Amino acid sequence: MKEITASQIKGIQIGQAQDEANATGCTVILRKEGMSAGVDVRGGGPATRETDLLHPKNMVQQIHGVILSGGSAFGLDAAGGVMRYLEEHGCGFAIADQHVPIVCGASLFDLCVGNGKIRPDAAMGYAACKASEHNLFCDGNYGAGTGASVGKLLDAPYAMKSGQGMAGVQVGDLQVCAVVAVNACGNVRDVETREYLAGVCKDGRILDPLSLMEQMQAHDTLPMGNTTIGCIITNARLNKSQCAKIASIAHNGYADAIFPVHTMSDGDTIFTLAVNEVDAMPDVVGALAVHVMGKAINRAVLAAEAAYGLPSAASIRRIHANDSRKES
């Protein structure tokens, strides 16, 4: 089993654009030739676009892009730029003298991190598409993860900086990759060691969410402003129903890495995109999807740098390392 990136899957373009000053951005995944797709929305507060058409009972069998963005529901406007880019390249369903590309999307809430009046728009979505021509993707404070944060169970003052991440594997000819922007209400833990990497942070120490349940119970609802959004991308041959099932299975990767997850104040969403090149057992694709999604979530947190007044896993580790050197 070897590691891969999304751009190694045939026909996939991936790009990002961000406004670092205002703490928001978007990440786009394209395939001009089209791809099978499915979705599973688990969180209680989603902001999504064109998810109904992914239901197996509906007509459309292929989509051309997915955009993950900040900006909450405002950020769904970024899909307009993706539509324009794909139309300019002759992508989409040919109807008369028009091409109608199908672009799905999901947005996370980052409006309280930077300048909430500035959100991803059509221009930023188009810029991300242009970046995808060079397969530009970075883990950490980029793209849809620019304004992402985690650990908001006790509200924003105790949160930490997060970001976006990618992880992928190839087993024989089968390729499975995950891309995710992590903006969870809960904590993020290492999928191997179970150590909390980021989350509710007090005095430089990450707190166990289970120890906070009594404090949380004193409030009617969890703080708003969350949502983890991601994609599984594979070269397997999958129909819409199978893609939807893989998206459902991949939420186990969320559950491995985030606790608590799928809360009423999260809009947790996963798309599955299949380019239909290789025969594969769906259960194998699902198992690998769980593995890479958990790894991608961990990378999103570990690659993030402190920003917008929020500490990160990296900045806390540096402080602890310096303190240890002083003591020795």
C-alpha atoms as a PDB file:
ATOM      1  CA  MET A   1       0.000   0.000   0.000  1.00  0.00           C
ATOM      2  CA  LYS A   2       1.546   3.299  -1.076  1.00  0.00           C
ATOM      3  CA  GLU A   3       0.541   6.879  -0.414  1.00  0.00           C
ATOM      4  CA  ILE A   4      -0.938   8.969  -3.237  1.00  0.00           C
ATOM      5  CA  THR A   5      -2.492  12.381  -3.794  1.00  0.00           C
ATOM      6  CA  ALA A   6      -5.844  13.150  -5.394  1.00  0.00           C
ATOM      7  CA  SER A   7      -4.205  14.461  -8.568  1.00  0.00           C
ATOM      8  CA  GLN A   8      -2.796  10.976  -9.268  1.00  0.00           C
ATOM      9  CA  ILE A   9      -6.350   9.728  -9.869  1.00  0.00           C
ATOM     10  CA  LYS A  10      -7.065   9.923 -13.592  1.00  0.00           C
ATOM     11  CA  GLY A  11      -8.656  13.177 -14.697  1.00  0.00           C
ATOM     12  CA  ILE A  12      -8.881  14.727 -11.223  1.00  0.00           C
ATOM     13  CA  GLN A  13      -7.968  18.387 -10.789  1.00  0.00           C
ATOM     14  CA  ILE A  14      -7.786  19.894  -7.324  1.00  0.00           C
ATOM     15  CA  GLY A  15      -7.208  23.524  -6.438  1.00  0.00           C
ATOM     16  CA  GLN A  16      -7.600  26.041  -3.664  1.00  0.00           C
ATOM     17  CA  ALA A  17      -8.018  29.776  -3.181  1.00  0.00           C
ATOM     18  CA  GLN A  18      -8.110  31.761   0.022  1.00  0.00           C
ATOM     19  CA  ASP A  19      -8.286  35.201   1.575  1.00  0.00           C
ATOM     20  CA  GLU A  20      -5.855  34.883   4.470  1.00  0.00           C
ATOM     21  CA  ALA A  21      -6.491  38.419   5.736  1.00  0.00           C
ATOM     22  CA  ASN A  22     -10.194  37.699   6.176  1.00  0.00           C
ATOM     23  CA  ALA A  23      -9.868  34.018   7.178  1.00  0.00           C
ATOM     24  CA  THR A  24     -11.848  32.202   4.520  1.00  0.00           C
ATOM     25  CA  GLY A  25     -11.344  30.182   1.352  1.00  0.00           C
ATOM     26  CA  CYS A  26     -12.476  27.327  -0.858  1.00  0.00           C
ATOM     27  CA  THR A  27     -11.186  24.077  -2.344  1.00  0.00           C
ATOM     28  CA  VAL A  28     -12.436  22.562  -5.586  1.00  0.00           C
ATOM     29  CA  ILE A  29     -12.262  19.042  -7.003  1.00  0.00           C
ATOM     30  CA  LEU A  30     -12.992  18.726 -10.729  1.00  0.00           C
ATOM     31  CA  ARG A  31     -13.163  16.087 -13.417  1.00  0.00           C
ATOM     32  CA  LYS A  32     -14.095  17.555 -16.769  1.00  0.00           C
ATOM     33  CA  GLU A  33     -15.110  14.150 -18.140  1.00  0.00           C
ATOM     34  CA  GLY A  34     -17.546  13.656 -15.276  1.00  0.00           C
ATOM     35  CA  MET A  35     -17.678  11.227 -12.357  1.00  0.00           C
ATOM     36  CA  SER A  36     -20.179   9.195 -10.389  1.00  0.00           C
ATOM     37  CA  ALA A  37     -21.055  10.726  -7.051  1.00  0.00           C
ATOM     38  CA  GLY A  38     -22.924  10.200  -3.813  1.00  0.00           C
ATOM     39  CA  VAL A  39     -23.281  12.077  -0.550  1.00  0.00           C
ATOM     40  CA  ASP A  40     -24.099  11.488   3.104  1.00  0.00           C
ATOM     41  CA  VAL A  41     -24.995  14.395   5.399  1.00  0.00           C
ATOM     42  CA  ARG A  42     -24.799  13.530   9.099  1.00  0.00           C
ATOM     43  CA  GLY A  43     -24.547  16.835  10.946  1.00  0.00           C
ATOM     44  CA  GLY A  44     -27.592  18.719  12.160  1.00  0.00           C
ATOM     45  CA  GLY A  45     -26.770  22.071  10.531  1.00  0.00           C
ATOM     46  CA  PRO A  46     -25.578  21.580   6.932  1.00  0.00           C
ATOM     47  CA  ALA A  47     -25.051  24.178   4.206  1.00  0.00           C
ATOM     48  CA  THR A  48     -25.066  22.215   0.946  1.00  0.00           C
ATOM     49  CA  ARG A  49     -25.677  22.563  -2.799  1.00  0.00           C
ATOM     50  CA  GLU A  50     -27.101  20.059  -5.314  1.00  0.00           C
ATOM     51  CA  THR A  51     -27.206  17.142  -2.898  1.00  0.00           C
ATOM     52  CA  ASP A  52     -30.762  16.091  -3.843  1.00  0.00           C
ATOM     53  CA  LEU A  53     -29.730  15.197  -7.381  1.00  0.00           C
ATOM     54  CA  LEU A  54     -27.230  12.698  -5.955  1.00  0.00           C
ATOM     55  CA  HIS A  55     -30.059  10.547  -4.620  1.00  0.00           C
ATOM     56  CA  PRO A  56     -30.036   7.283  -6.621  1.00  0.00           C
ATOM     57  CA  LYS A  57     -33.691   7.757  -7.589  1.00  0.00           C
ATOM     58  CA  ASN A  58     -32.899  10.968  -9.488  1.00  0.00           C
ATOM     59  CA  MET A  59     -31.857  11.285 -13.111  1.00  0.00           C
ATOM     60  CA  VAL A  60     -28.335  12.770 -13.118  1.00  0.00           C
ATOM     61  CA  GLN A  61     -25.666  10.073 -13.121  1.00  0.00           C
ATOM     62  CA  GLN A  62     -22.505  12.170 -13.458  1.00  0.00           C
ATOM     63  CA  ILE A  63     -21.247  15.380 -11.877  1.00  0.00           C
ATOM     64  CA  HIS A  64     -18.281  17.548 -12.864  1.00  0.00           C
ATOM     65  CA  GLY A  65     -17.148  19.171  -9.647  1.00  0.00           C
ATOM     66  CA  VAL A  66     -17.420  19.562  -5.894  1.00  0.00           C
ATOM     67  CA  ILE A  67     -16.563  22.733  -4.024  1.00  0.00           C
ATOM     68  CA  LEU A  68     -15.812  22.861  -0.309  1.00  0.00           C
ATOM     69  CA  SER A  69     -15.870  26.373   1.113  1.00  0.00           C
ATOM     70  CA  GLY A  70     -15.942  28.598   4.118  1.00  0.00           C
ATOM     71  CA  GLY A  71     -18.513  31.339   4.497  1.00  0.00           C
ATOM     72  CA  SER A  72     -21.413  29.251   5.803  1.00  0.00           C
ATOM     73  CA  ALA A  73     -24.419  29.381   3.442  1.00  0.00           C
ATOM     74  CA  PHE A  74     -22.982  32.529   1.835  1.00  0.00           C
ATOM     75  CA  GLY A  75     -20.015  30.462   0.671  1.00  0.00           C
ATOM     76  CA  LEU A  76     -22.212  28.358  -1.595  1.00  0.00           C
ATOM     77  CA  ASP A  77     -21.977  31.303  -4.033  1.00  0.00           C
ATOM     78  CA  ALA A  78     -18.458  30.107  -4.902  1.00  0.00           C
ATOM     79  CA  ALA A  79     -20.019  27.308  -6.967  1.00  0.00           C
ATOM     80  CA  GLY A  80     -21.034  29.917  -9.553  1.00  0.00           C
ATOM     81  CA  GLY A  81     -17.392  30.441 -10.418  1.00  0.00           C
ATOM     82  CA  VAL A  82     -16.880  26.706 -10.788  1.00  0.00           C
ATOM     83  CA  MET A  83     -19.875  26.554 -13.117  1.00  0.00           C
ATOM     84  CA  ARG A  84     -18.420  29.359 -15.237  1.00  0.00           C
ATOM     85  CA  TYR A  85     -15.006  27.702 -15.438  1.00  0.00           C
ATOM     86  CA  LEU A  86     -16.452  24.351 -16.491  1.00  0.00           C
ATOM     87  CA  GLU A  87     -18.783  25.971 -19.015  1.00  0.00           C
ATOM     88  CA  GLU A  88     -15.823  27.791 -20.580  1.00  0.00           C
ATOM     89  CA  HIS A  89     -14.147  24.409 -21.017  1.00  0.00           C
ATOM     90  CA  GLY A  90     -17.179  22.841 -22.672  1.00  0.00           C
ATOM     91  CA  CYS A  91     -17.937  20.613 -19.698  1.00  0.00           C
ATOM     92  CA  GLY A  92     -21.394  19.523 -18.681  1.00  0.00           C
ATOM     93  CA  PHE A  93     -24.557  18.166 -20.189  1.00  0.00           C
ATOM     94  CA  ALA A  94     -25.049  19.384 -23.755  1.00  0.00           C
ATOM     95  CA  ILE A  95     -28.489  20.918 -24.182  1.00  0.00           C
ATOM     96  CA  ALA A  96     -29.104  22.775 -27.458  1.00  0.00           C
ATOM     97  CA  ASP A  97     -26.056  25.044 -27.753  1.00  0.00           C
ATOM     98  CA  GLN A  98     -25.395  25.115 -24.008  1.00  0.00           C
ATOM     99  CA  HIS A  99     -23.328  23.041 -21.593  1.00  0.00           C
ATOM    100  CA  VAL A 100     -24.690  22.666 -18.082  1.00  0.00           C
ATOM    101  CA  PRO A 101     -22.044  21.449 -15.624  1.00  0.00           C
ATOM    102  CA  ILE A 102     -23.190  19.808 -12.396  1.00  0.00           C
ATOM    103  CA  VAL A 103     -21.391  21.178  -9.355  1.00  0.00           C
ATOM    104  CA  CYS A 104     -22.151  20.030  -5.817  1.00  0.00           C
ATOM    105  CA  GLY A 105     -20.898  21.753  -2.712  1.00  0.00           C
ATOM    106  CA  ALA A 106     -20.818  22.142   1.042  1.00  0.00           C
ATOM    107  CA  SER A 107     -19.770  25.031   3.248  1.00  0.00           C
ATOM    108  CA  LEU A 108     -18.436  25.326   6.776  1.00  0.00           C
ATOM    109  CA  PHE A 109     -18.987  28.192   9.216  1.00  0.00           C
ATOM    110  CA  ASP A 110     -15.923  30.424   9.630  1.00  0.00           C
ATOM    111  CA  LEU A 111     -17.681  33.797   9.873  1.00  0.00           C
ATOM    112  CA  CYS A 112     -16.593  34.445  13.461  1.00  0.00           C
ATOM    113  CA  VAL A 113     -12.886  33.744  12.939  1.00  0.00           C
ATOM    114  CA  GLY A 114     -11.950  36.610  10.642  1.00  0.00           C
ATOM    115  CA  ASN A 115     -14.059  39.189   8.823  1.00  0.00           C
ATOM    116  CA  GLY A 116     -17.466  37.563   8.530  1.00  0.00           C
ATOM    117  CA  LYS A 117     -18.519  40.101   5.893  1.00  0.00           C
ATOM    118  CA  ILE A 118     -16.020  38.609   3.426  1.00  0.00           C
ATOM    119  CA  ARG A 119     -16.951  35.142   2.144  1.00  0.00           C
ATOM    120  CA  PRO A 120     -16.008  32.883  -0.766  1.00  0.00           C
ATOM    121  CA  ASP A 121     -17.773  34.090  -3.907  1.00  0.00           C
ATOM    122  CA  ALA A 122     -17.867  33.209  -7.603  1.00  0.00           C
ATOM    123  CA  ALA A 123     -14.530  34.946  -8.209  1.00  0.00           C
ATOM    124  CA  MET A 124     -12.829  32.862  -5.531  1.00  0.00           C
ATOM    125  CA  GLY A 125     -14.436  29.674  -6.850  1.00  0.00           C
ATOM    126  CA  TYR A 126     -13.117  30.496 -10.321  1.00  0.00           C
ATOM    127  CA  ALA A 127      -9.644  31.204  -8.897  1.00  0.00           C
ATOM    128  CA  ALA A 128      -9.632  27.797  -7.202  1.00  0.00           C
ATOM    129  CA  CYS A 129     -10.484  26.200 -10.568  1.00  0.00           C
ATOM    130  CA  LYS A 130      -7.582  28.014 -12.220  1.00  0.00           C
ATOM    131  CA  ALA A 131      -5.316  26.764  -9.423  1.00  0.00           C
ATOM    132  CA  SER A 132      -6.573  23.228 -10.089  1.00  0.00           C
ATOM    133  CA  GLU A 133      -4.860  23.373 -13.503  1.00  0.00           C
ATOM    134  CA  HIS A 134      -1.638  23.089 -11.480  1.00  0.00           C
ATOM    135  CA  ASN A 135      -3.134  20.714  -8.869  1.00  0.00           C
ATOM    136  CA  LEU A 136      -2.500  23.176  -6.072  1.00  0.00           C
ATOM    137  CA  PHE A 137      -3.409  21.788  -2.648  1.00  0.00           C
ATOM    138  CA  CYS A 138      -1.716  22.356   0.710  1.00  0.00           C
ATOM    139  CA  ASP A 139      -2.521  20.862   4.103  1.00  0.00           C
ATOM    140  CA  GLY A 140      -3.257  23.337   6.873  1.00  0.00           C
ATOM    141  CA  ASN A 141      -4.447  26.963   6.725  1.00  0.00           C
ATOM    142  CA  TYR A 142      -5.434  26.955   3.055  1.00  0.00           C
ATOM    143  CA  GLY A 143      -8.514  26.658   0.879  1.00  0.00           C
ATOM    144  CA  ALA A 144     -11.651  25.679   2.748  1.00  0.00           C
ATOM    145  CA  GLY A 145      -9.548  25.240   5.881  1.00  0.00           C
ATOM    146  CA  THR A 146      -8.294  28.826   6.015  1.00  0.00           C
ATOM    147  CA  GLY A 147     -10.687  29.866   8.775  1.00  0.00           C
ATOM    148  CA  ALA A 148     -11.362  26.419  10.216  1.00  0.00           C
ATOM    149  CA  SER A 149     -11.192  25.735  13.950  1.00  0.00           C
ATOM    150  CA  VAL A 150     -11.970  22.902  16.365  1.00  0.00           C
ATOM    151  CA  GLY A 151     -12.805  22.425  20.023  1.00  0.00           C
ATOM    152  CA  LYS A 152     -15.763  24.772  20.454  1.00  0.00           C
ATOM    153  CA  LEU A 153     -17.659  22.759  23.060  1.00  0.00           C
ATOM    154  CA  LEU A 154     -17.122  25.578  25.581  1.00  0.00           C
ATOM    155  CA  ASP A 155     -17.318  28.326  22.922  1.00  0.00           C
ATOM    156  CA  ALA A 156     -14.740  30.208  20.874  1.00  0.00           C
ATOM    157  CA  PRO A 157     -12.291  31.351  23.617  1.00  0.00           C
ATOM    158  CA  TYR A 158     -11.180  27.740  24.102  1.00  0.00           C
ATOM    159  CA  ALA A 159     -10.978  26.765  20.402  1.00  0.00           C
ATOM    160  CA  MET A 160      -7.884  25.872  18.376  1.00  0.00           C
ATOM    161  CA  LYS A 161      -6.881  26.455  14.772  1.00  0.00           C
ATOM    162  CA  SER A 162      -7.496  23.662  12.280  1.00  0.00           C
ATOM    163  CA  GLY A 163      -7.308  23.481   8.493  1.00  0.00           C
ATOM    164  CA  GLN A 164      -7.681  21.212   5.484  1.00  0.00           C
ATOM    165  CA  GLY A 165      -5.947  17.912   4.853  1.00  0.00           C
ATOM    166  CA  MET A 166      -5.446  15.185   2.270  1.00  0.00           C
ATOM    167  CA  ALA A 167      -4.496  11.520   2.542  1.00  0.00           C
ATOM    168  CA  GLY A 168      -4.608   8.783  -0.081  1.00  0.00           C
ATOM    169  CA  VAL A 169      -3.516   5.204  -0.701  1.00  0.00           C
ATOM    170  CA  GLN A 170      -3.128   2.831  -3.624  1.00  0.00           C
ATOM    171  CA  VAL A 171      -3.628  -0.915  -3.225  1.00  0.00           C
ATOM    172  CA  GLY A 172      -2.806  -2.699  -6.467  1.00  0.00           C
ATOM    173  CA  ASP A 173      -4.607  -0.642  -9.097  1.00  0.00           C
ATOM    174  CA  LEU A 174      -7.189   0.722  -6.673  1.00  0.00           C
ATOM    175  CA  GLN A 175      -6.771   4.337  -5.546  1.00  0.00           C
ATOM    176  CA  VAL A 176      -8.682   5.975  -2.690  1.00  0.00           C
ATOM    177  CA  CYS A 177      -8.054   9.505  -1.439  1.00  0.00           C
ATOM    178  CA  ALA A 178      -9.706  11.802   1.116  1.00  0.00           C
ATOM    179  CA  VAL A 179      -9.831  15.595   1.146  1.00  0.00           C
ATOM    180  CA  VAL A 180     -11.334  17.314   4.179  1.00  0.00           C
ATOM    181  CA  ALA A 181     -11.740  20.717   5.833  1.00  0.00           C
ATOM    182  CA  VAL A 182     -11.982  20.224   9.595  1.00  0.00           C
ATOM    183  CA  ASN A 183     -14.136  22.749  11.454  1.00  0.00           C
ATOM    184  CA  ALA A 184     -15.523  20.523  14.184  1.00  0.00           C
ATOM    185  CA  CYS A 185     -17.309  21.487  17.362  1.00  0.00           C
ATOM    186  CA  GLY A 186     -15.509  18.571  19.034  1.00  0.00           C
ATOM    187  CA  ASN A 187     -11.874  17.587  19.565  1.00  0.00           C
ATOM    188  CA  VAL A 188      -9.611  15.859  17.045  1.00  0.00           C
ATOM    189  CA  ARG A 189      -7.679  12.763  18.120  1.00  0.00           C
ATOM    190  CA  ASP A 190      -4.904  10.738  16.548  1.00  0.00           C
ATOM    191  CA  VAL A 191      -6.544   7.775  14.821  1.00  0.00           C
ATOM    192  CA  GLU A 192      -3.680   5.495  15.882  1.00  0.00           C
ATOM    193  CA  THR A 193      -2.683   6.588  19.392  1.00  0.00           C
ATOM    194  CA  ARG A 194      -6.087   8.094  20.412  1.00  0.00           C
ATOM    195  CA  GLU A 195      -4.210  11.107  21.800  1.00  0.00           C
ATOM    196  CA  TYR A 196      -6.095  14.399  21.461  1.00  0.00           C
ATOM    197  CA  LEU A 197      -4.231  16.538  18.948  1.00  0.00           C
ATOM    198  CA  ALA A 198      -6.429  19.635  19.128  1.00  0.00           C
ATOM    199  CA  GLY A 199      -9.687  20.747  20.668  1.00  0.00           C
ATOM    200  CA  VAL A 200     -10.924  22.518  23.756  1.00  0.00           C
ATOM    201  CA  CYS A 201      -7.766  24.174  25.062  1.00  0.00           C
ATOM    202  CA  LYS A 202      -7.263  25.729  28.481  1.00  0.00           C
ATOM    203  CA  ASP A 203      -3.912  26.988  29.766  1.00  0.00           C
ATOM    204  CA  GLY A 204      -2.113  25.233  26.926  1.00  0.00           C
ATOM    205  CA  ARG A 205      -3.698  21.866  27.719  1.00  0.00           C
ATOM    206  CA  ILE A 206      -6.250  20.027  25.571  1.00  0.00           C
ATOM    207  CA  LEU A 207      -9.197  18.895  27.678  1.00  0.00           C
ATOM    208  CA  ASP A 208     -10.979  15.546  27.388  1.00  0.00           C
ATOM    209  CA  PRO A 209     -14.519  16.247  26.088  1.00  0.00           C
ATOM    210  CA  LEU A 210     -15.957  13.638  28.448  1.00  0.00           C
ATOM    211  CA  SER A 211     -14.804  15.774  31.369  1.00  0.00           C
ATOM    212  CA  LEU A 212     -16.841  18.687  29.991  1.00  0.00           C
ATOM    213  CA  MET A 213     -20.240  17.023  29.750  1.00  0.00           C
ATOM    214  CA  GLU A 214     -21.562  18.519  32.984  1.00  0.00           C
ATOM    215  CA  GLN A 215     -20.576  22.029  31.863  1.00  0.00           C
ATOM    216  CA  MET A 216     -22.139  21.428  28.459  1.00  0.00           C
ATOM    217  CA  GLN A 217     -25.333  20.178  30.064  1.00  0.00           C
ATOM    218  CA  ALA A 218     -25.788  23.595  31.663  1.00  0.00           C
ATOM    219  CA  HIS A 219     -26.441  25.096  28.214  1.00  0.00           C
ATOM    220  CA  ASP A 220     -29.415  24.547  25.917  1.00  0.00           C
ATOM    221  CA  THR A 221     -27.325  24.063  22.767  1.00  0.00           C
ATOM    222  CA  LEU A 222     -23.727  23.742  21.678  1.00  0.00           C
ATOM    223  CA  PRO A 223     -22.008  26.827  20.252  1.00  0.00           C
ATOM    224  CA  MET A 224     -22.743  27.345  16.561  1.00  0.00           C
ATOM    225  CA  GLY A 225     -20.133  27.844  13.855  1.00  0.00           C
ATOM    226  CA  ASN A 226     -18.850  24.395  12.963  1.00  0.00           C
ATOM    227  CA  THR A 227     -19.021  21.675  10.241  1.00  0.00           C
ATOM    228  CA  THR A 228     -16.469  19.254   8.790  1.00  0.00           C
ATOM    229  CA  ILE A 229     -16.786  18.775   5.023  1.00  0.00           C
ATOM    230  CA  GLY A 230     -14.914  16.332   2.825  1.00  0.00           C
ATOM    231  CA  CYS A 231     -14.676  14.089  -0.215  1.00  0.00           C
ATOM    232  CA  ILE A 232     -13.617  10.549  -0.928  1.00  0.00           C
ATOM    233  CA  ILE A 233     -12.142  10.286  -4.429  1.00  0.00           C
ATOM    234  CA  THR A 234     -11.499   6.918  -6.035  1.00  0.00           C
ATOM    235  CA  ASN A 235     -10.740   5.343  -9.403  1.00  0.00           C
ATOM    236  CA  ALA A 236     -13.113   2.456  -8.605  1.00  0.00           C
ATOM    237  CA  ARG A 237     -16.134   1.707 -10.760  1.00  0.00           C
ATOM    238  CA  LEU A 238     -19.089   2.716  -8.590  1.00  0.00           C
ATOM    239  CA  ASN A 239     -22.670   3.712  -9.353  1.00  0.00           C
ATOM    240  CA  LYS A 240     -24.587   6.411  -7.481  1.00  0.00           C
ATOM    241  CA  SER A 241     -25.938   3.999  -4.873  1.00  0.00           C
ATOM    242  CA  GLN A 242     -22.494   2.602  -4.165  1.00  0.00           C
ATOM    243  CA  CYS A 243     -21.010   6.100  -3.965  1.00  0.00           C
ATOM    244  CA  ALA A 244     -23.656   7.077  -1.419  1.00  0.00           C
ATOM    245  CA  LYS A 245     -22.853   3.983   0.640  1.00  0.00           C
ATOM    246  CA  ILE A 246     -19.109   4.721   0.559  1.00  0.00           C
ATOM    247  CA  ALA A 247     -19.850   8.265   1.747  1.00  0.00           C
ATOM    248  CA  SER A 248     -21.846   6.771   4.619  1.00  0.00           C
ATOM    249  CA  ILE A 249     -19.056   4.352   5.538  1.00  0.00           C
ATOM    250  CA  ALA A 250     -16.451   7.144   5.356  1.00  0.00           C
ATOM    251  CA  HIS A 251     -18.209   8.920   8.220  1.00  0.00           C
ATOM    252  CA  ASN A 252     -16.585   6.251  10.399  1.00  0.00           C
ATOM    253  CA  GLY A 253     -13.356   8.109   9.625  1.00  0.00           C
ATOM    254  CA  TYR A 254     -14.932  11.224  11.112  1.00  0.00           C
ATOM    255  CA  ALA A 255     -15.969   9.229  14.166  1.00  0.00           C
ATOM    256  CA  ASP A 256     -12.443   7.799  14.536  1.00  0.00           C
ATOM    257  CA  ALA A 257     -10.834  11.232  14.494  1.00  0.00           C
ATOM    258  CA  ILE A 258     -13.438  13.636  15.954  1.00  0.00           C
ATOM    259  CA  PHE A 259     -15.242  13.482  19.299  1.00  0.00           C
ATOM    260  CA  PRO A 260     -18.010  14.369  19.728  1.00  0.00           C
ATOM    261  CA  VAL A 261     -18.996  14.277  16.061  1.00  0.00           C
ATOM    262  CA  HIS A 262     -22.185  14.856  14.011  1.00  0.00           C
ATOM    263  CA  THR A 263     -23.609  17.224  16.593  1.00  0.00           C
ATOM    264  CA  MET A 264     -26.667  19.381  15.992  1.00  0.00           C
ATOM    265  CA  SER A 265     -24.398  22.393  15.485  1.00  0.00           C
ATOM    266  CA  ASP A 266     -22.194  20.631  12.912  1.00  0.00           C
ATOM    267  CA  GLY A 267     -23.188  20.145   9.270  1.00  0.00           C
ATOM    268  CA  ASP A 268     -20.851  17.195   8.707  1.00  0.00           C
ATOM    269  CA  THR A 269     -20.979  16.118   5.051  1.00  0.00           C
ATOM    270  CA  ILE A 270     -19.010  13.681   2.871  1.00  0.00           C
ATOM    271  CA  PHE A 271     -19.167  13.304  -0.909  1.00  0.00           C
ATOM    272  CA  THR A 272     -17.825  10.274  -2.761  1.00  0.00           C
ATOM    273  CA  LEU A 273     -16.494  10.764  -6.287  1.00  0.00           C
ATOM    274  CA  ALA A 274     -15.687   7.787  -8.531  1.00  0.00           C
ATOM    275  CA  VAL A 275     -13.921   8.080 -11.904  1.00  0.00           C
ATOM    276  CA  ASN A 276     -14.858   4.498 -12.903  1.00  0.00           C
ATOM    277  CA  GLU A 277     -11.517   3.142 -14.114  1.00  0.00           C
ATOM    278  CA  VAL A 278     -10.900   0.027 -11.978  1.00  0.00           C
ATOM    279  CA  ASP A 279     -13.081  -2.861 -10.811  1.00  0.00           C
ATOM    280  CA  ALA A 280     -13.118  -2.994  -7.017  1.00  0.00           C
ATOM    281  CA  MET A 281     -15.075  -4.521  -4.167  1.00  0.00           C
ATOM    282  CA  PRO A 282     -17.103  -1.683  -2.613  1.00  0.00           C
ATOM    283  CA  ASP A 283     -16.347  -2.959   0.890  1.00  0.00           C
ATOM    284  CA  VAL A 284     -12.625  -2.627   0.213  1.00  0.00           C
ATOM    285  CA  VAL A 285     -13.170   0.921  -1.057  1.00  0.00           C
ATOM    286  CA  GLY A 286     -15.178   1.674   2.079  1.00  0.00           C
ATOM    287  CA  ALA A 287     -12.540   0.329   4.446  1.00  0.00           C
ATOM    288  CA  LEU A 288      -9.828   2.354   2.714  1.00  0.00           C
ATOM    289  CA  ALA A 289     -12.093   5.416   2.741  1.00  0.00           C
ATOM    290  CA  VAL A 290     -12.359   5.230   6.546  1.00  0.00           C
ATOM    291  CA  HIS A 291      -8.583   4.881   6.822  1.00  0.00           C
ATOM    292  CA  VAL A 292      -7.691   7.829   4.577  1.00  0.00           C
ATOM    293  CA  MET A 293     -10.394  10.105   5.979  1.00  0.00           C
ATOM    294  CA  GLY A 294      -9.079   9.687   9.507  1.00  0.00           C
ATOM    295  CA  LYS A 295      -5.533  10.351   8.300  1.00  0.00           C
ATOM    296  CA  ALA A 296      -6.642  13.430   6.337  1.00  0.00           C
ATOM    297  CA  ILE A 297      -8.372  14.867   9.426  1.00  0.00           C
ATOM    298  CA  ASN A 298      -5.203  14.347  11.461  1.00  0.00           C
ATOM    299  CA  ARG A 299      -3.084  16.045   8.795  1.00  0.00           C
ATOM    300  CA  ALA A 300      -5.470  19.001   8.661  1.00  0.00           C
ATOM    301  CA  VAL A 301      -4.920  19.625  12.367  1.00  0.00           C
ATOM    302  CA  LEU A 302      -1.197  18.844  12.524  1.00  0.00           C
ATOM    303  CA  ALA A 303      -0.388  21.048   9.524  1.00  0.00           C
ATOM    304  CA  ALA A 304      -2.384  24.017  10.820  1.00  0.00           C
ATOM    305  CA  GLU A 305      -0.499  26.998  12.217  1.00  0.00           C
ATOM    306  CA  ALA A 306      -1.690  29.360  14.927  1.00  0.00           C
ATOM    307  CA  ALA A 307      -3.694  32.216  13.408  1.00  0.00           C
ATOM    308  CA  TYR A 308      -6.491  34.701  14.147  1.00  0.00           C
ATOM    309  CA  GLY A 309      -5.781  34.479  17.859  1.00  0.00           C
ATOM    310  CA  LEU A 310      -6.182  30.696  17.919  1.00  0.00           C
ATOM    311  CA  PRO A 311      -3.384  28.320  18.986  1.00  0.00           C
ATOM    312  CA  SER A 312      -2.684  25.212  16.923  1.00  0.00           C
ATOM    313  CA  ALA A 313      -1.423  21.721  17.641  1.00  0.00           C
ATOM    314  CA  ALA A 314       1.965  22.773  16.240  1.00  0.00           C
ATOM    315  CA  SER A 315       2.206  25.941  18.334  1.00  0.00           C
ATOM    316  CA  ILE A 316       1.233  24.140  21.553  1.00  0.00           C
ATOM    317  CA  ARG A 317       3.789  21.402  20.888  1.00  0.00           C
ATOM    318  CA  ARG A 318       6.505  24.017  20.374  1.00  0.00           C
ATOM    319  CA  ILE A 319       5.611  25.675  23.692  1.00  0.00           C
ATOM    320  CA  HIS A 320       5.713  22.344  25.529  1.00  0.00           C
ATOM    321  CA  ALA A 321       9.026  21.452  23.880  1.00  0.00           C
ATOM    322  CA  ASN A 322      10.528  24.791  24.956  1.00  0.00           C
ATOM    323  CA  ASP A 323       9.247  24.331  28.511  1.00  0.00           C
ATOM    324  CA  SER A 324      10.793  20.850  28.641  1.00  0.00           C
ATOM    325  CA  ARG A 325      14.165  22.195  27.484  1.00  0.00           C
ATOM    326  CA  LYS A 326      14.071  24.920  30.151  1.00  0.00           C
ATOM    327  CA  GLU A 327      13.337  22.361  32.885  1.00  0.00           C
ATOM    328  CA  SER A 328      16.202  20.146  31.766  1.00  0.00           C
END
